[in-house]
Amino acid sequence: MTPLDRRGALRAAAAGVLAAGCTDSRPPRSSQNSPGPPYTAPTPSRAAAPRLPGQVEHGPRDRPRVALTFHGQGDPALAEALLAEAERAGARLTVCAVGTWLDAYPQLARRVLDGGHELGNHTQHHLDICSLPADAAHAEITACAERLRRLTGSVGAWFRPSRARLATPLVRRLARRAGYPHCLAYDLDSRDHTDPGSAAVVRTVLDGIRPGSVVSLHLGHAGTVAAMPALLDGLHRRGLRAVTATELTA
């Protein structure tokens, strides 16, 4: 199948999902609903901590790698379609999941990891975390961390603040306390959450991409799914490889 044919098929699939109002009806495993032991933050990796700043906006500029990072919310069928498209192109993504999304679709945690991608923490309720008092902000971080740990055995490598590009010093301290030595920011905003259409998403990303870029994208938007074939083709033509945020910064 040519890139144009594949792109058209994917657009049609995404449109069908929206029209049908698809949801994933598979029941969660019983272990995913078990209360489990109380949350305890793991000890941060001291070996990795000195190599990176507390807040990562981009990776090295001298290597042909970029990170496509996704806010994890939305229709699971669209998420599945986007992950599958990335895997067909050999791309690895970073998904920072919202805790309530993991509660609704717990099977997607393993789906992300099983596809060779990376999973991180994007707070429990996707509130404006930088405006919350310390106790409420800490609860947002640790609640999502607990869900990740129950579903995958790990709190994930990254914390990304919700409704903000950059974490405040307070939020960074709270994230470290919860087991995240580094917060994941970004240097390129695709603006895909405004639903500008797939062509606009592709143009915004490819016009602004540089080696080392961390791109902000979103699951749950049909235009983003439809943009993936052309976006990944464009990265390939520029000699850039989409890797996880951990691979980008290693």
Protein backbone atom coordinates (compact mmCIF):
# COMPACT_ATOMS: atom_id res chain seq x y z
CA MET A 1 0.00 0.00 0.00
CA THR A 2 1.41 3.47 -0.92
CA PRO A 3 1.65 6.25 1.73
CA LEU A 4 -1.27 8.04 0.04
CA ASP A 5 -3.44 4.91 0.06
CA ARG A 6 -2.51 4.17 3.64
CA ARG A 7 -3.26 7.74 4.67
CA GLY A 8 -6.67 7.64 3.06
CA ALA A 9 -7.53 4.33 4.69
CA LEU A 10 -6.53 5.66 8.07
CA ARG A 11 -8.59 8.80 7.67
CA ALA A 12 -11.59 6.69 6.80
CA ALA A 13 -11.03 4.48 9.83
CA ALA A 14 -10.73 7.47 12.15
CA ALA A 15 -13.91 9.02 10.72
CA GLY A 16 -15.73 5.74 11.24
CA VAL A 17 -14.69 5.64 14.85
CA LEU A 18 -16.03 9.13 15.47
CA ALA A 19 -19.28 8.43 13.68
CA ALA A 20 -19.90 5.22 15.56
CA GLY A 21 -18.89 6.60 18.93
CA CYS A 22 -16.70 3.54 19.49
CA THR A 23 -15.50 2.63 22.93
CA ASP A 24 -13.51 -0.33 24.12
CA SER A 25 -15.94 -2.68 25.85
CA ARG A 26 -13.40 -5.25 26.97
CA PRO A 27 -13.66 -5.76 30.72
CA PRO A 28 -10.52 -4.99 32.75
CA ARG A 29 -8.69 -7.87 34.34
CA SER A 30 -9.58 -8.54 37.92
CA SER A 31 -6.03 -7.73 39.03
CA GLN A 32 -6.38 -4.24 37.57
CA ASN A 33 -9.28 -3.50 39.89
CA SER A 34 -7.71 -4.93 43.03
CA PRO A 35 -6.86 -2.29 45.63
CA GLY A 36 -3.21 -3.36 45.94
CA PRO A 37 -0.77 -2.19 48.61
CA PRO A 38 -0.50 1.50 49.56
CA TYR A 39 1.47 3.68 47.18
CA THR A 40 5.16 4.11 48.02
CA ALA A 41 7.33 6.25 45.78
CA PRO A 42 10.37 4.44 44.42
CA THR A 43 13.84 5.81 45.03
CA PRO A 44 14.81 8.00 42.06
CA SER A 45 17.67 6.76 39.90
CA ARG A 46 20.71 8.63 41.14
CA ALA A 47 22.81 7.36 38.25
CA ALA A 48 20.58 9.09 35.68
CA ALA A 49 19.76 12.25 37.68
CA PRO A 50 23.06 14.19 37.14
CA ARG A 51 22.93 13.69 33.36
CA LEU A 52 19.71 15.61 32.76
CA PRO A 53 18.20 18.84 34.02
CA GLY A 54 15.21 18.61 36.32
CA GLN A 55 13.04 19.73 33.41
CA VAL A 56 13.71 18.39 29.93
CA GLU A 57 12.53 20.50 26.99
CA HIS A 58 14.56 18.83 24.24
CA GLY A 59 17.29 16.29 23.64
CA PRO A 60 20.74 16.64 22.07
CA ARG A 61 20.73 18.71 18.89
CA ASP A 62 23.61 16.79 17.31
CA ARG A 63 21.80 13.47 16.81
CA PRO A 64 19.07 12.70 14.23
CA ARG A 65 16.43 11.78 16.79
CA VAL A 66 13.16 13.35 17.96
CA ALA A 67 10.53 12.37 20.52
CA LEU A 68 6.82 12.37 19.67
CA THR A 69 5.11 12.66 23.05
CA PHE A 70 1.38 12.26 23.58
CA HIS A 71 -1.04 13.44 26.23
CA GLY A 72 -2.85 10.20 27.07
CA GLN A 73 -6.61 10.75 26.97
CA GLY A 74 -9.51 10.16 24.63
CA ASP A 75 -11.22 7.44 22.61
CA PRO A 76 -9.31 4.15 22.95
CA ALA A 77 -10.02 3.19 19.35
CA LEU A 78 -8.23 6.31 18.13
CA ALA A 79 -5.34 5.57 20.49
CA GLU A 80 -5.08 2.03 19.12
CA ALA A 81 -5.10 3.30 15.53
CA LEU A 82 -2.38 5.85 16.24
CA LEU A 83 -0.14 3.33 18.03
CA ALA A 84 -0.55 0.86 15.17
CA GLU A 85 0.41 3.47 12.59
CA ALA A 86 3.53 4.39 14.57
CA GLU A 87 4.51 0.74 14.82
CA ARG A 88 4.08 0.19 11.09
CA ALA A 89 6.63 2.96 10.54
CA GLY A 90 9.01 1.70 13.23
CA ALA A 91 8.44 4.77 15.44
CA ARG A 92 8.47 4.62 19.22
CA LEU A 93 6.34 7.10 21.17
CA THR A 94 6.08 8.43 24.71
CA VAL A 95 2.54 8.52 26.14
CA CYS A 96 1.99 10.52 29.33
CA ALA A 97 -1.28 9.08 30.57
CA VAL A 98 -4.00 10.77 32.62
CA GLY A 99 -5.02 8.63 35.60
CA THR A 100 -8.75 8.77 34.91
CA TRP A 101 -8.05 7.51 31.37
CA LEU A 102 -6.14 4.56 32.82
CA ASP A 103 -9.07 3.90 35.16
CA ALA A 104 -11.48 3.80 32.21
CA TYR A 105 -9.22 1.82 29.85
CA PRO A 106 -6.66 -0.06 31.95
CA GLN A 107 -5.76 -2.39 29.08
CA LEU A 108 -4.17 0.50 27.21
CA ALA A 109 -1.30 0.74 29.70
CA ARG A 110 0.04 -2.64 28.63
CA ARG A 111 -0.88 -1.94 25.00
CA VAL A 112 1.43 1.08 24.96
CA LEU A 113 4.33 -0.80 26.50
CA ASP A 114 3.82 -3.96 24.45
CA GLY A 115 4.14 -1.86 21.28
CA GLY A 116 7.64 -0.76 22.31
CA HIS A 117 6.52 2.67 23.47
CA GLU A 118 7.00 4.46 26.79
CA LEU A 119 4.43 5.35 29.43
CA GLY A 120 4.54 8.29 31.82
CA ASN A 121 2.42 10.29 34.29
CA HIS A 122 0.21 13.23 33.26
CA THR A 123 -1.62 13.64 36.61
CA GLN A 124 -4.81 12.00 37.76
CA HIS A 125 -7.48 14.48 36.61
CA HIS A 126 -5.64 16.75 34.13
CA LEU A 127 -6.18 19.87 36.23
CA ASP A 128 -4.08 23.04 36.08
CA ILE A 129 -1.50 21.50 38.38
CA CYS A 130 0.75 24.56 38.55
CA SER A 131 -2.06 26.55 40.18
CA LEU A 132 -2.93 23.94 42.82
CA PRO A 133 -1.76 24.07 46.44
CA ALA A 134 1.07 21.70 47.31
CA ASP A 135 -1.03 18.95 48.91
CA ALA A 136 -3.52 18.84 46.02
CA ALA A 137 -0.76 18.88 43.40
CA HIS A 138 1.09 16.08 45.19
CA ALA A 139 -2.11 14.02 45.30
CA GLU A 140 -2.60 14.50 41.54
CA ILE A 141 0.90 13.18 40.84
CA THR A 142 0.86 10.24 43.24
CA ALA A 143 -2.66 9.08 42.32
CA CYS A 144 -1.64 8.63 38.68
CA ALA A 145 1.69 7.10 39.74
CA GLU A 146 -0.19 4.50 41.78
CA ARG A 147 -2.33 3.51 38.83
CA LEU A 148 0.72 3.14 36.61
CA ARG A 149 2.43 1.00 39.23
CA ARG A 150 -0.60 -1.27 39.62
CA LEU A 151 -1.00 -1.76 35.89
CA THR A 152 2.65 -2.03 34.83
CA GLY A 153 4.81 -2.48 37.93
CA SER A 154 6.42 0.95 37.45
CA VAL A 155 5.43 4.58 37.95
CA GLY A 156 6.97 5.35 34.57
CA ALA A 157 10.09 7.27 33.60
CA TRP A 158 8.58 10.75 33.25
CA PHE A 159 6.15 13.18 34.79
CA ARG A 160 4.55 15.80 32.53
CA PRO A 161 2.60 18.65 34.18
CA SER A 162 -1.02 18.98 33.08
CA ARG A 163 -2.23 22.16 31.38
CA ALA A 164 1.28 23.61 31.33
CA ARG A 165 4.35 23.32 29.15
CA LEU A 166 6.71 23.81 32.08
CA ALA A 167 6.42 22.65 35.67
CA THR A 168 6.87 25.22 38.42
CA PRO A 169 9.68 24.71 40.95
CA LEU A 170 7.07 23.46 43.44
CA VAL A 171 5.65 20.89 41.01
CA ARG A 172 9.15 19.75 40.13
CA ARG A 173 9.93 19.16 43.81
CA LEU A 174 6.68 17.25 44.28
CA ALA A 175 7.40 15.13 41.20
CA ARG A 176 10.85 14.23 42.55
CA ARG A 177 9.26 13.24 45.85
CA ALA A 178 6.88 10.94 43.94
CA GLY A 179 9.76 9.20 42.15
CA TYR A 180 10.28 11.32 39.01
CA PRO A 181 13.76 12.88 38.84
CA HIS A 182 12.86 14.74 35.63
CA CYS A 183 9.77 16.50 34.31
CA LEU A 184 9.10 16.22 30.59
CA ALA A 185 8.36 19.49 28.80
CA TYR A 186 8.58 20.10 25.04
CA ASP A 187 9.98 22.58 22.55
CA LEU A 188 7.44 22.09 19.74
CA ASP A 189 3.66 22.28 20.16
CA SER A 190 1.75 20.64 17.31
CA ARG A 191 -1.49 22.42 18.34
CA ASP A 192 -3.32 19.25 17.34
CA HIS A 193 -5.71 19.58 20.29
CA THR A 194 -7.35 22.52 18.49
CA ASP A 195 -8.37 20.11 15.68
CA PRO A 196 -6.94 22.19 12.81
CA GLY A 197 -7.00 19.22 10.41
CA SER A 198 -4.36 16.65 9.62
CA ALA A 199 -2.55 18.79 7.02
CA ALA A 200 -2.10 21.61 9.50
CA VAL A 201 -0.74 19.23 12.14
CA VAL A 202 1.80 17.84 9.67
CA ARG A 203 2.82 21.30 8.52
CA THR A 204 3.24 22.68 12.05
CA VAL A 205 5.41 19.78 13.15
CA LEU A 206 7.57 19.46 10.04
CA ASP A 207 8.09 23.23 9.78
CA GLY A 208 9.31 23.43 13.38
CA ILE A 209 11.08 20.10 13.92
CA ARG A 210 14.81 20.02 14.72
CA PRO A 211 17.14 17.24 15.83
CA GLY A 212 16.44 16.65 19.51
CA SER A 213 12.93 18.13 19.45
CA VAL A 214 10.29 16.95 21.91
CA VAL A 215 6.91 17.34 20.19
CA SER A 216 3.62 17.74 22.07
CA LEU A 217 0.76 15.75 20.52
CA HIS A 218 -2.51 14.26 21.79
CA LEU A 219 -4.27 10.91 21.62
CA GLY A 220 -8.00 10.97 21.02
CA HIS A 221 -8.03 13.34 18.03
CA ALA A 222 -8.93 11.92 14.61
CA GLY A 223 -6.89 14.57 12.82
CA THR A 224 -3.77 13.48 14.67
CA VAL A 225 -4.33 9.86 13.68
CA ALA A 226 -4.82 10.89 10.05
CA ALA A 227 -1.66 13.03 10.19
CA MET A 228 0.63 10.23 11.34
CA PRO A 229 1.51 8.66 7.95
CA ALA A 230 2.56 11.97 6.37
CA LEU A 231 4.23 13.13 9.59
CA LEU A 232 6.32 9.98 9.91
CA ASP A 233 7.14 10.02 6.18
CA GLY A 234 8.29 13.63 6.56
CA LEU A 235 10.55 12.78 9.49
CA HIS A 236 12.05 9.93 7.45
CA ARG A 237 12.77 12.26 4.52
CA ARG A 238 14.56 14.63 6.90
CA GLY A 239 16.68 11.78 8.24
CA LEU A 240 15.02 11.97 11.68
CA ARG A 241 14.02 8.97 13.75
CA ALA A 242 11.13 9.01 16.26
CA VAL A 243 12.27 7.47 19.57
CA THR A 244 11.03 7.53 23.16
CA ALA A 245 11.95 10.46 25.39
CA THR A 246 14.25 8.17 27.36
CA GLU A 247 16.05 7.08 24.19
CA LEU A 248 16.26 10.70 23.04
CA THR A 249 17.98 11.83 26.22
CA ALA A 250 20.16 8.77 26.86
